[in-house]
C-alpha atoms as a PDB file:
ATOM      1  CA  MET A   1     -60.066  99.684 -21.476  1.00  0.00           C
ATOM      2  CA  ASN A   2     -61.113  96.550 -19.846  1.00  0.00           C
ATOM      3  CA  VAL A   3     -64.811  95.972 -19.397  1.00  0.00           C
ATOM      4  CA  LYS A   4     -66.086  94.777 -15.879  1.00  0.00           C
ATOM      5  CA  PRO A   5     -67.048  91.283 -15.839  1.00  0.00           C
ATOM      6  CA  ARG A   6     -71.034  90.860 -15.667  1.00  0.00           C
ATOM      7  CA  ILE A   7     -71.978  88.291 -12.962  1.00  0.00           C
ATOM      8  CA  LEU A   8     -75.744  87.257 -12.312  1.00  0.00           C
ATOM      9  CA  ILE A   9     -76.202  86.176  -8.693  1.00  0.00           C
ATOM     10  CA  ALA A  10     -79.339  83.782  -8.717  1.00  0.00           C
ATOM     11  CA  ASP A  11     -80.174  83.282  -5.039  1.00  0.00           C
ATOM     12  CA  ASP A  12     -83.356  83.562  -3.092  1.00  0.00           C
ATOM     13  CA  ASP A  13     -81.388  84.465   0.058  1.00  0.00           C
ATOM     14  CA  ALA A  14     -80.589  88.317   0.229  1.00  0.00           C
ATOM     15  CA  GLY A  15     -78.172  87.982   3.038  1.00  0.00           C
ATOM     16  CA  VAL A  16     -76.066  85.328   0.739  1.00  0.00           C
ATOM     17  CA  ALA A  17     -76.431  87.891  -2.210  1.00  0.00           C
ATOM     18  CA  ALA A  18     -75.255  90.502  -0.148  1.00  0.00           C
ATOM     19  CA  VAL A  19     -72.113  88.803   1.050  1.00  0.00           C
ATOM     20  CA  ILE A  20     -71.433  87.905  -2.529  1.00  0.00           C
ATOM     21  CA  ALA A  21     -71.787  91.427  -3.429  1.00  0.00           C
ATOM     22  CA  ARG A  22     -69.496  92.636  -0.890  1.00  0.00           C
ATOM     23  CA  VAL A  23     -66.742  90.242  -2.060  1.00  0.00           C
ATOM     24  CA  LEU A  24     -67.100  90.861  -5.801  1.00  0.00           C
ATOM     25  CA  GLU A  25     -67.911  94.441  -6.364  1.00  0.00           C
ATOM     26  CA  PRO A  26     -64.838  95.859  -4.964  1.00  0.00           C
ATOM     27  CA  VAL A  27     -62.636  94.086  -7.510  1.00  0.00           C
ATOM     28  CA  GLY A  28     -64.552  95.392 -10.479  1.00  0.00           C
ATOM     29  CA  CYS A  29     -67.626  93.308 -11.007  1.00  0.00           C
ATOM     30  CA  GLU A  30     -71.065  94.253 -12.402  1.00  0.00           C
ATOM     31  CA  LEU A  31     -73.354  92.285 -10.397  1.00  0.00           C
ATOM     32  CA  GLN A  32     -77.138  91.595 -11.163  1.00  0.00           C
ATOM     33  CA  ARG A  33     -79.571  89.744  -8.670  1.00  0.00           C
ATOM     34  CA  ALA A  34     -82.119  87.105  -9.345  1.00  0.00           C
ATOM     35  CA  ALA A  35     -84.413  85.650  -6.672  1.00  0.00           C
ATOM     36  CA  THR A  36     -86.355  83.110  -8.596  1.00  0.00           C
ATOM     37  CA  GLY A  37     -85.426  80.394 -11.230  1.00  0.00           C
ATOM     38  CA  PRO A  38     -87.675  82.229 -13.910  1.00  0.00           C
ATOM     39  CA  GLU A  39     -86.145  85.519 -12.757  1.00  0.00           C
ATOM     40  CA  ALA A  40     -82.720  84.167 -13.288  1.00  0.00           C
ATOM     41  CA  LEU A  41     -83.633  82.828 -16.906  1.00  0.00           C
ATOM     42  CA  ALA A  42     -85.011  86.149 -17.635  1.00  0.00           C
ATOM     43  CA  ALA A  43     -81.970  87.941 -16.456  1.00  0.00           C
ATOM     44  CA  ALA A  44     -79.525  85.608 -18.212  1.00  0.00           C
ATOM     45  CA  ALA A  45     -81.372  86.037 -21.481  1.00  0.00           C
ATOM     46  CA  ALA A  46     -81.783  89.818 -21.242  1.00  0.00           C
ATOM     47  CA  SER A  47     -78.050  90.428 -20.180  1.00  0.00           C
ATOM     48  CA  ALA A  48     -75.891  87.965 -21.279  1.00  0.00           C
ATOM     49  CA  PRO A  49     -73.604  87.561 -18.390  1.00  0.00           C
ATOM     50  CA  ASP A  50     -70.089  86.341 -18.215  1.00  0.00           C
ATOM     51  CA  LEU A  51     -70.802  84.031 -15.527  1.00  0.00           C
ATOM     52  CA  VAL A  52     -73.827  82.859 -13.244  1.00  0.00           C
ATOM     53  CA  LEU A  53     -73.594  82.255  -9.479  1.00  0.00           C
ATOM     54  CA  LEU A  54     -76.717  79.933  -9.096  1.00  0.00           C
ATOM     55  CA  ASP A  55     -78.171  78.288  -5.953  1.00  0.00           C
ATOM     56  CA  VAL A  56     -79.332  74.940  -6.123  1.00  0.00           C
ATOM     57  CA  ARG A  57     -82.596  75.596  -4.071  1.00  0.00           C
ATOM     58  CA  MET A  58     -84.326  78.279  -6.010  1.00  0.00           C
ATOM     59  CA  PRO A  59     -88.130  78.926  -5.906  1.00  0.00           C
ATOM     60  CA  GLY A  60     -89.992  78.638  -9.089  1.00  0.00           C
ATOM     61  CA  LEU A  61     -87.527  76.343 -10.829  1.00  0.00           C
ATOM     62  CA  SER A  62     -84.785  74.735  -9.058  1.00  0.00           C
ATOM     63  CA  GLY A  63     -81.185  75.456  -9.739  1.00  0.00           C
ATOM     64  CA  TRP A  64     -80.837  71.937 -11.755  1.00  0.00           C
ATOM     65  CA  GLY A  65     -83.638  73.204 -14.023  1.00  0.00           C
ATOM     66  CA  VAL A  66     -82.260  76.667 -14.442  1.00  0.00           C
ATOM     67  CA  LEU A  67     -78.810  75.188 -15.524  1.00  0.00           C
ATOM     68  CA  ALA A  68     -80.383  72.643 -17.803  1.00  0.00           C
ATOM     69  CA  ARG A  69     -82.349  75.519 -19.544  1.00  0.00           C
ATOM     70  CA  LEU A  70     -78.919  77.715 -19.680  1.00  0.00           C
ATOM     71  CA  ARG A  71     -77.167  74.738 -21.459  1.00  0.00           C
ATOM     72  CA  GLY A  72     -80.077  74.321 -23.782  1.00  0.00           C
ATOM     73  CA  SER A  73     -79.750  77.753 -24.964  1.00  0.00           C
ATOM     74  CA  ALA A  74     -77.375  78.946 -27.729  1.00  0.00           C
ATOM     75  CA  ALA A  75     -76.905  82.197 -26.061  1.00  0.00           C
ATOM     76  CA  THR A  76     -75.933  80.605 -22.742  1.00  0.00           C
ATOM     77  CA  ARG A  77     -74.525  77.219 -23.572  1.00  0.00           C
ATOM     78  CA  THR A  78     -70.855  78.065 -22.735  1.00  0.00           C
ATOM     79  CA  THR A  79     -71.430  80.457 -19.994  1.00  0.00           C
ATOM     80  CA  PRO A  80     -69.634  79.545 -16.809  1.00  0.00           C
ATOM     81  CA  VAL A  81     -72.002  78.495 -13.941  1.00  0.00           C
ATOM     82  CA  VAL A  82     -70.713  77.950 -10.508  1.00  0.00           C
ATOM     83  CA  MET A  83     -73.343  76.224  -8.321  1.00  0.00           C
ATOM     84  CA  LEU A  84     -74.198  77.453  -4.714  1.00  0.00           C
ATOM     85  CA  THR A  85     -74.866  74.562  -2.477  1.00  0.00           C
ATOM     86  CA  GLY A  86     -75.471  74.159   1.361  1.00  0.00           C
ATOM     87  CA  CYS A  87     -75.132  70.432   1.384  1.00  0.00           C
ATOM     88  CA  GLY A  88     -71.964  69.771  -0.459  1.00  0.00           C
ATOM     89  CA  GLU A  89     -73.059  66.127  -0.998  1.00  0.00           C
ATOM     90  CA  VAL A  90     -71.208  64.219  -3.704  1.00  0.00           C
ATOM     91  CA  GLY A  91     -74.498  63.142  -5.205  1.00  0.00           C
ATOM     92  CA  ASP A  92     -75.574  66.703  -6.011  1.00  0.00           C
ATOM     93  CA  LYS A  93     -72.411  67.740  -7.418  1.00  0.00           C
ATOM     94  CA  VAL A  94     -72.289  64.691  -9.722  1.00  0.00           C
ATOM     95  CA  GLU A  95     -75.625  65.850 -10.936  1.00  0.00           C
ATOM     96  CA  GLY A  96     -74.573  69.424 -11.223  1.00  0.00           C
ATOM     97  CA  PHE A  97     -71.757  68.408 -13.185  1.00  0.00           C
ATOM     98  CA  GLY A  98     -73.609  65.952 -15.386  1.00  0.00           C
ATOM     99  CA  LEU A  99     -76.056  68.943 -16.338  1.00  0.00           C
ATOM    100  CA  GLY A 100     -73.001  71.194 -17.348  1.00  0.00           C
ATOM    101  CA  ALA A 101     -72.259  73.112 -14.039  1.00  0.00           C
ATOM    102  CA  ASP A 102     -68.435  74.559 -14.108  1.00  0.00           C
ATOM    103  CA  ASP A 103     -67.729  74.656 -10.538  1.00  0.00           C
ATOM    104  CA  TYR A 104     -69.273  74.173  -7.056  1.00  0.00           C
ATOM    105  CA  VAL A 105     -69.118  76.744  -3.962  1.00  0.00           C
ATOM    106  CA  THR A 106     -70.462  75.272  -0.757  1.00  0.00           C
ATOM    107  CA  LYS A 107     -72.315  77.529   1.651  1.00  0.00           C
ATOM    108  CA  PRO A 108     -70.928  78.966   3.828  1.00  0.00           C
ATOM    109  CA  PHE A 109     -68.078  79.794   1.799  1.00  0.00           C
ATOM    110  CA  SER A 110     -64.879  81.945   2.144  1.00  0.00           C
ATOM    111  CA  GLY A 111     -64.809  85.135   0.125  1.00  0.00           C
ATOM    112  CA  ASP A 112     -61.121  84.411  -0.925  1.00  0.00           C
ATOM    113  CA  GLU A 113     -62.184  81.026  -2.231  1.00  0.00           C
ATOM    114  CA  LEU A 114     -65.139  82.616  -4.009  1.00  0.00           C
ATOM    115  CA  ARG A 115     -63.140  85.472  -5.666  1.00  0.00           C
ATOM    116  CA  ALA A 116     -60.368  82.697  -6.769  1.00  0.00           C
ATOM    117  CA  ARG A 117     -62.864  80.426  -8.429  1.00  0.00           C
ATOM    118  CA  VAL A 118     -64.856  83.203 -10.202  1.00  0.00           C
ATOM    119  CA  PHE A 119     -61.868  84.829 -11.477  1.00  0.00           C
ATOM    120  CA  GLY A 120     -60.210  81.682 -12.574  1.00  0.00           C
ATOM    121  CA  LEU A 121     -63.270  80.671 -14.486  1.00  0.00           C
ATOM    122  CA  LEU A 122     -63.779  84.096 -16.093  1.00  0.00           C
ATOM    123  CA  ARG A 123     -60.100  83.797 -17.305  1.00  0.00           C
ATOM    124  CA  ARG A 124     -60.237  80.350 -18.386  1.00  0.00           C
ATOM    125  CA  HIS A 125     -63.472  81.046 -20.454  1.00  0.00           C
ATOM    126  CA  ARG A 126     -62.056  84.156 -21.778  1.00  0.00           C
ATOM    127  CA  GLU A 127     -59.036  82.316 -23.361  1.00  0.00           C
ATOM    128  CA  THR A 128     -61.161  79.637 -24.722  1.00  0.00           C
ATOM    129  CA  LEU A 129     -63.365  81.990 -26.511  1.00  0.00           C
ATOM    130  CA  HIS A 130     -60.452  83.765 -27.917  1.00  0.00           C
ATOM    131  CA  ALA A 131     -58.167  80.766 -28.542  1.00  0.00           C
ATOM    132  CA  HIS A 132     -56.494  80.481 -32.152  1.00  0.00           C
ATOM    133  CA  PRO A 133     -57.683  77.340 -33.813  1.00  0.00           C
ATOM    134  CA  LEU A 134     -54.320  76.369 -34.736  1.00  0.00           C
ATOM    135  CA  THR A 135     -52.270  76.706 -31.711  1.00  0.00           C
ATOM    136  CA  GLY A 136     -55.050  76.643 -29.144  1.00  0.00           C
ATOM    137  CA  LEU A 137     -53.188  79.716 -27.582  1.00  0.00           C
ATOM    138  CA  PRO A 138     -55.279  82.754 -26.287  1.00  0.00           C
ATOM    139  CA  GLY A 139     -55.755  85.557 -28.420  1.00  0.00           C
ATOM    140  CA  SER A 140     -55.375  89.439 -28.396  1.00  0.00           C
ATOM    141  CA  PRO A 141     -58.245  90.241 -25.709  1.00  0.00           C
ATOM    142  CA  SER A 142     -56.532  87.655 -23.266  1.00  0.00           C
ATOM    143  CA  ILE A 143     -53.149  88.902 -23.830  1.00  0.00           C
ATOM    144  CA  GLU A 144     -54.193  92.346 -23.086  1.00  0.00           C
ATOM    145  CA  ALA A 145     -56.293  91.065 -20.128  1.00  0.00           C
ATOM    146  CA  GLU A 146     -53.142  89.160 -18.670  1.00  0.00           C
ATOM    147  CA  VAL A 147     -50.802  92.328 -19.003  1.00  0.00           C
ATOM    148  CA  GLU A 148     -53.355  94.618 -17.670  1.00  0.00           C
ATOM    149  CA  ARG A 149     -54.052  92.228 -14.712  1.00  0.00           C
ATOM    150  CA  ARG A 150     -50.181  92.270 -13.826  1.00  0.00           C
ATOM    151  CA  ILE A 151     -50.218  96.118 -13.913  1.00  0.00           C
ATOM    152  CA  ALA A 152     -53.281  96.307 -11.590  1.00  0.00           C
ATOM    153  CA  GLU A 153     -51.705  93.881  -9.111  1.00  0.00           C
ATOM    154  CA  LYS A 154     -48.231  95.824  -9.453  1.00  0.00           C
ATOM    155  CA  LEU A 155     -46.584  92.558 -10.397  1.00  0.00           C
ATOM    156  CA  PRO A 156     -42.968  92.886 -11.911  1.00  0.00           C
ATOM    157  CA  PHE A 157     -43.260  91.382 -15.283  1.00  0.00           C
ATOM    158  CA  ALA A 158     -41.607  91.214 -18.777  1.00  0.00           C
ATOM    159  CA  PHE A 159     -43.488  91.274 -22.083  1.00  0.00           C
ATOM    160  CA  PHE A 160     -42.003  89.691 -25.355  1.00  0.00           C
ATOM    161  CA  HIS A 161     -43.436  90.272 -28.830  1.00  0.00           C
ATOM    162  CA  ALA A 162     -42.356  87.208 -31.126  1.00  0.00           C
ATOM    163  CA  ASP A 163     -42.320  86.407 -34.674  1.00  0.00           C
ATOM    164  CA  ILE A 164     -40.726  83.994 -37.492  1.00  0.00           C
ATOM    165  CA  ASP A 165     -38.105  85.452 -39.567  1.00  0.00           C
ATOM    166  CA  ARG A 166     -38.546  85.219 -43.199  1.00  0.00           C
ATOM    167  CA  PHE A 167     -41.710  83.428 -42.682  1.00  0.00           C
ATOM    168  CA  LYS A 168     -43.449  84.725 -45.914  1.00  0.00           C
ATOM    169  CA  SER A 169     -40.530  83.455 -48.151  1.00  0.00           C
ATOM    170  CA  PHE A 170     -40.850  79.982 -46.242  1.00  0.00           C
ATOM    171  CA  ASN A 171     -44.479  79.870 -46.763  1.00  0.00           C
ATOM    172  CA  ASP A 172     -44.169  80.663 -50.301  1.00  0.00           C
ATOM    173  CA  ALA A 173     -41.466  77.884 -50.969  1.00  0.00           C
ATOM    174  CA  TYR A 174     -43.015  75.158 -48.853  1.00  0.00           C
ATOM    175  CA  GLY A 175     -46.644  75.919 -48.925  1.00  0.00           C
ATOM    176  CA  TYR A 176     -49.478  76.613 -46.250  1.00  0.00           C
ATOM    177  CA  GLU A 177     -49.459  73.441 -44.562  1.00  0.00           C
ATOM    178  CA  ARG A 178     -45.640  73.381 -43.955  1.00  0.00           C
ATOM    179  CA  GLY A 179     -46.483  77.218 -42.731  1.00  0.00           C
ATOM    180  CA  ASP A 180     -48.908  75.970 -40.363  1.00  0.00           C
ATOM    181  CA  ARG A 181     -46.383  73.231 -38.746  1.00  0.00           C
ATOM    182  CA  THR A 182     -44.034  76.355 -38.297  1.00  0.00           C
ATOM    183  CA  ILE A 183     -46.537  78.444 -36.407  1.00  0.00           C
ATOM    184  CA  ALA A 184     -47.441  75.252 -34.153  1.00  0.00           C
ATOM    185  CA  ALA A 185     -43.814  74.863 -33.633  1.00  0.00           C
ATOM    186  CA  ALA A 186     -43.058  78.561 -32.731  1.00  0.00           C
ATOM    187  CA  ALA A 187     -45.934  78.284 -30.394  1.00  0.00           C
ATOM    188  CA  LEU A 188     -44.652  75.054 -28.808  1.00  0.00           C
ATOM    189  CA  ALA A 189     -41.436  76.817 -28.236  1.00  0.00           C
ATOM    190  CA  LEU A 190     -42.640  79.634 -26.274  1.00  0.00           C
ATOM    191  CA  ARG A 191     -44.721  77.232 -24.206  1.00  0.00           C
ATOM    192  CA  ARG A 192     -41.596  75.153 -23.526  1.00  0.00           C
ATOM    193  CA  GLY A 193     -39.519  78.221 -22.617  1.00  0.00           C
ATOM    194  CA  VAL A 194     -41.980  79.113 -19.943  1.00  0.00           C
ATOM    195  CA  GLU A 195     -42.519  75.604 -18.762  1.00  0.00           C
ATOM    196  CA  ARG A 196     -38.636  74.509 -18.682  1.00  0.00           C
ATOM    197  CA  ALA A 197     -37.793  77.802 -16.985  1.00  0.00           C
ATOM    198  CA  GLY A 198     -40.603  76.976 -14.118  1.00  0.00           C
ATOM    199  CA  ASP A 199     -42.502  80.122 -14.484  1.00  0.00           C
ATOM    200  CA  LEU A 200     -45.865  78.832 -13.277  1.00  0.00           C
ATOM    201  CA  GLU A 201     -47.529  82.032 -14.029  1.00  0.00           C
ATOM    202  CA  GLY A 202     -45.963  82.378 -17.493  1.00  0.00           C
ATOM    203  CA  PHE A 203     -48.416  83.130 -20.326  1.00  0.00           C
ATOM    204  CA  VAL A 204     -48.224  82.615 -24.251  1.00  0.00           C
ATOM    205  CA  GLY A 205     -50.745  84.309 -26.491  1.00  0.00           C
ATOM    206  CA  HIS A 206     -50.930  84.170 -30.298  1.00  0.00           C
ATOM    207  CA  VAL A 207     -51.693  87.565 -31.871  1.00  0.00           C
ATOM    208  CA  GLY A 208     -52.380  86.011 -35.097  1.00  0.00           C
ATOM    209  CA  GLY A 209     -50.256  84.700 -38.157  1.00  0.00           C
ATOM    210  CA  ASP A 210     -46.676  84.116 -36.977  1.00  0.00           C
ATOM    211  CA  ASP A 211     -46.821  86.741 -34.297  1.00  0.00           C
ATOM    212  CA  PHE A 212     -46.931  85.964 -30.544  1.00  0.00           C
ATOM    213  CA  ALA A 213     -46.963  87.361 -27.180  1.00  0.00           C
ATOM    214  CA  LEU A 214     -45.023  85.996 -24.316  1.00  0.00           C
ATOM    215  CA  VAL A 215     -45.569  87.529 -20.718  1.00  0.00           C
ATOM    216  CA  CYS A 216     -43.407  86.149 -17.860  1.00  0.00           C
ATOM    217  CA  SER A 217     -42.224  87.015 -14.327  1.00  0.00           C
ATOM    218  CA  GLU A 218     -39.337  89.783 -14.500  1.00  0.00           C
ATOM    219  CA  ALA A 219     -37.056  87.790 -12.587  1.00  0.00           C
ATOM    220  CA  ARG A 220     -37.186  84.769 -15.084  1.00  0.00           C
ATOM    221  CA  ALA A 221     -37.514  86.655 -18.306  1.00  0.00           C
ATOM    222  CA  ALA A 222     -33.850  85.718 -19.513  1.00  0.00           C
ATOM    223  CA  ILE A 223     -33.895  82.195 -18.849  1.00  0.00           C
ATOM    224  CA  VAL A 224     -37.557  82.021 -20.304  1.00  0.00           C
ATOM    225  CA  ALA A 225     -36.280  83.637 -23.512  1.00  0.00           C
ATOM    226  CA  ASP A 226     -33.114  81.392 -23.679  1.00  0.00           C
ATOM    227  CA  LEU A 227     -35.178  78.309 -23.520  1.00  0.00           C
ATOM    228  CA  ALA A 228     -37.737  79.440 -25.956  1.00  0.00           C
ATOM    229  CA  VAL A 229     -35.368  80.469 -28.894  1.00  0.00           C
ATOM    230  CA  GLN A 230     -33.379  77.029 -28.177  1.00  0.00           C
ATOM    231  CA  ALA A 231     -36.629  75.078 -28.426  1.00  0.00           C
ATOM    232  CA  PHE A 232     -37.504  76.677 -31.689  1.00  0.00           C
ATOM    233  CA  ASP A 233     -33.934  76.121 -33.136  1.00  0.00           C
ATOM    234  CA  GLU A 234     -34.035  72.370 -32.286  1.00  0.00           C
ATOM    235  CA  SER A 235     -37.101  72.141 -34.305  1.00  0.00           C
ATOM    236  CA  VAL A 236     -35.731  74.068 -37.463  1.00  0.00           C
ATOM    237  CA  PRO A 237     -34.265  71.062 -39.177  1.00  0.00           C
ATOM    238  CA  VAL A 238     -37.136  69.130 -39.473  1.00  0.00           C
ATOM    239  CA  LEU A 239     -39.530  71.835 -40.520  1.00  0.00           C
ATOM    240  CA  HIS A 240     -37.277  72.260 -43.854  1.00  0.00           C
ATOM    241  CA  ASP A 241     -36.484  69.814 -46.524  1.00  0.00           C
ATOM    242  CA  PRO A 242     -33.468  67.709 -45.478  1.00  0.00           C
ATOM    243  CA  ALA A 243     -31.179  68.885 -48.379  1.00  0.00           C
ATOM    244  CA  ASP A 244     -32.423  72.507 -47.429  1.00  0.00           C
ATOM    245  CA  ALA A 245     -31.568  71.925 -43.800  1.00  0.00           C
ATOM    246  CA  GLU A 246     -28.085  70.415 -44.467  1.00  0.00           C
ATOM    247  CA  ARG A 247     -27.030  73.189 -46.637  1.00  0.00           C
ATOM    248  CA  GLY A 248     -28.494  75.640 -44.400  1.00  0.00           C
ATOM    249  CA  TRP A 249     -30.580  77.708 -47.091  1.00  0.00           C
ATOM    250  CA  TYR A 250     -33.504  77.272 -49.523  1.00  0.00           C
ATOM    251  CA  GLU A 251     -34.709  78.871 -52.704  1.00  0.00           C
ATOM    252  CA  ALA A 252     -37.838  81.064 -52.985  1.00  0.00           C
ATOM    253  CA  ALA A 253     -39.200  84.023 -54.784  1.00  0.00           C
ATOM    254  CA  ASP A 254     -38.466  87.365 -53.149  1.00  0.00           C
ATOM    255  CA  ARG A 255     -41.146  90.348 -52.888  1.00  0.00           C
ATOM    256  CA  ARG A 256     -40.154  91.419 -56.545  1.00  0.00           C
ATOM    257  CA  GLY A 257     -40.761  87.705 -57.940  1.00  0.00           C
ATOM    258  CA  THR A 258     -36.659  87.160 -58.104  1.00  0.00           C
ATOM    259  CA  ARG A 259     -35.581  83.661 -57.067  1.00  0.00           C
ATOM    260  CA  ARG A 260     -33.072  83.954 -54.325  1.00  0.00           C
ATOM    261  CA  ARG A 261     -31.498  81.923 -51.475  1.00  0.00           C
ATOM    262  CA  PHE A 262     -32.998  82.415 -48.092  1.00  0.00           C
ATOM    263  CA  PRO A 263     -31.514  81.274 -44.526  1.00  0.00           C
ATOM    264  CA  LEU A 264     -33.145  78.649 -42.417  1.00  0.00           C
ATOM    265  CA  LEU A 265     -35.922  79.857 -40.202  1.00  0.00           C
ATOM    266  CA  SER A 266     -35.241  81.578 -36.907  1.00  0.00           C
ATOM    267  CA  LEU A 267     -37.317  83.060 -34.127  1.00  0.00           C
ATOM    268  CA  THR A 268     -37.018  86.698 -32.812  1.00  0.00           C
ATOM    269  CA  LEU A 269     -38.399  87.869 -29.648  1.00  0.00           C
ATOM    270  CA  GLY A 270     -37.936  91.526 -28.425  1.00  0.00           C
ATOM    271  CA  GLY A 271     -38.833  92.496 -24.814  1.00  0.00           C
ATOM    272  CA  VAL A 272     -39.348  94.906 -22.166  1.00  0.00           C
ATOM    273  CA  SER A 273     -39.440  94.493 -18.534  1.00  0.00           C
ATOM    274  CA  THR A 274     -40.673  96.330 -15.435  1.00  0.00           C
ATOM    275  CA  ARG A 275     -37.002  96.266 -13.994  1.00  0.00           C
ATOM    276  CA  ARG A 276     -36.290  99.377 -16.301  1.00  0.00           C
ATOM    277  CA  ARG A 277     -39.318 100.667 -17.588  1.00  0.00           C
ATOM    278  CA  ARG A 278     -42.565 101.808 -16.038  1.00  0.00           C
ATOM    279  CA  LEU A 279     -45.010  99.416 -17.914  1.00  0.00           C
ATOM    280  CA  ASP A 280     -48.302 101.297 -16.702  1.00  0.00           C
ATOM    281  CA  ARG A 281     -50.597 100.260 -19.697  1.00  0.00           C
ATOM    282  CA  TYR A 282     -50.660  97.546 -22.340  1.00  0.00           C
ATOM    283  CA  ALA A 283     -50.169  99.782 -25.176  1.00  0.00           C
ATOM    284  CA  LYS A 284     -46.754 100.835 -23.792  1.00  0.00           C
ATOM    285  CA  ALA A 285     -45.531  97.312 -23.318  1.00  0.00           C
ATOM    286  CA  VAL A 286     -46.581  96.260 -26.907  1.00  0.00           C
ATOM    287  CA  ALA A 287     -45.172  99.378 -28.291  1.00  0.00           C
ATOM    288  CA  LEU A 288     -41.565  98.946 -26.699  1.00  0.00           C
ATOM    289  CA  ALA A 289     -41.357  95.239 -26.975  1.00  0.00           C
ATOM    290  CA  SER A 290     -42.205  95.624 -30.997  1.00  0.00           C
ATOM    291  CA  GLU A 291     -39.677  98.473 -31.127  1.00  0.00           C
ATOM    292  CA  MET A 292     -37.214  96.127 -29.610  1.00  0.00           C
ATOM    293  CA  LYS A 293     -37.879  93.298 -31.972  1.00  0.00           C
ATOM    294  CA  ALA A 294     -37.526  95.395 -34.991  1.00  0.00           C
ATOM    295  CA  TRP A 295     -34.430  96.730 -33.964  1.00  0.00           C
ATOM    296  CA  LEU A 296     -32.902  93.253 -33.097  1.00  0.00           C
ATOM    297  CA  LYS A 297     -34.174  92.097 -36.640  1.00  0.00           C
ATOM    298  CA  SER A 298     -32.318  95.142 -38.270  1.00  0.00           C
ATOM    299  CA  ARG A 299     -29.029  93.617 -36.756  1.00  0.00           C
ATOM    300  CA  ARG A 300     -29.295  90.236 -37.833  1.00  0.00           C
ATOM    301  CA  GLU A 301     -30.127  88.589 -41.420  1.00  0.00           C
ATOM    302  CA  THR A 302     -28.972  85.216 -40.682  1.00  0.00           C
ATOM    303  CA  GLY A 303     -28.061  82.752 -37.790  1.00  0.00           C
ATOM    304  CA  PRO A 304     -29.991  80.984 -34.892  1.00  0.00           C
ATOM    305  CA  SER A 305     -32.861  82.662 -33.100  1.00  0.00           C
ATOM    306  CA  ALA A 306     -32.389  85.523 -30.920  1.00  0.00           C
ATOM    307  CA  TRP A 307     -33.703  87.758 -28.147  1.00  0.00           C
ATOM    308  CA  ASP A 308     -33.489  91.044 -26.363  1.00  0.00           C
ATOM    309  CA  LEU A 309     -34.774  93.177 -23.615  1.00  0.00           C
ATOM    310  CA  ASP A 310     -34.961  96.787 -23.701  1.00  0.00           C
ATOM    311  CA  ARG A 311     -32.000  98.409 -21.670  1.00  0.00           C
ATOM    312  CA  ARG A 312     -33.214 101.913 -21.732  1.00  0.00           C
ATOM    313  CA  THR A 313     -34.499 103.361 -18.833  1.00  0.00           C
ATOM    314  CA  ASP A 314     -37.393 105.780 -18.382  1.00  0.00           C
ATOM    315  CA  ALA A 315     -36.868 109.414 -17.309  1.00  0.00           C
ATOM    316  CA  PRO A 316     -36.865 110.174 -13.466  1.00  0.00           C
ATOM    317  CA  GLU A 317     -40.048 112.471 -14.135  1.00  0.00           C
ATOM    318  CA  ALA A 318     -41.783 109.274 -15.663  1.00  0.00           C
ATOM    319  CA  HIS A 319     -41.577 107.603 -12.071  1.00  0.00           C
ATOM    320  CA  ALA A 320     -42.957 110.564 -10.298  1.00  0.00           C
END
């Protein structure tokens, strides 16, 4: 279940605060109001907001002063702050950015612009907080939020679960440093699949270890997956020792400790799309994509990277 983002509106103008409430409350935000600088600091300390909308001209303590103190506190040092200003002067913006402001909205503002800036910042901040240290990709909370967003907005999409075939044996044979390079190569291949397919809204997340999630437009799912597996296979020769790459296998101990030959690395993507299935919740998308990935792995032990989409269709009553 997604938690409503908490947003602190720090503005002494009750009319402006009411306009912001009308813009943000209907789209699922939990709002709190502060009318003075000291009230804003107290509210931020007490409620740990996900984002602060901060007026430059505040009684008691200016917006600049509030911003400086927010950035000086460990609890709010990275909290996104959008400055609200009626002047829009370049000098004011430069000063605010120097103090750590993340964005500016000039009054009077468009409701659509305010929503876009707020939710863009919230999304980037969430992804940064949950980014995997090795790949820099957003983690599980961001993956779930991305899928739930597409479901809520009724956007057609495809969801893929991907992992590296025989990664444990490779890690045992080549060591953790080479294993990390391989995970980074898989992340890059998935990103390249999205970018080369021209899917501007494509999303790649890192679940953990060698597990990844890819969310893309339903219409571009096949080309995204094709380009992703091609990109990974291009990297496979340089991930192995030259002699192993040339002969097409390497030696490592299996789970029982017996030395055996293993094929070179490959990537498997199992996916599901809204074209055939009613993806009305994140857990269903994950379960179906994981099932497809397991099925595809069971049908191939060697060969290049591969992908497939669930071709089953929900029963008619599921769409009722």
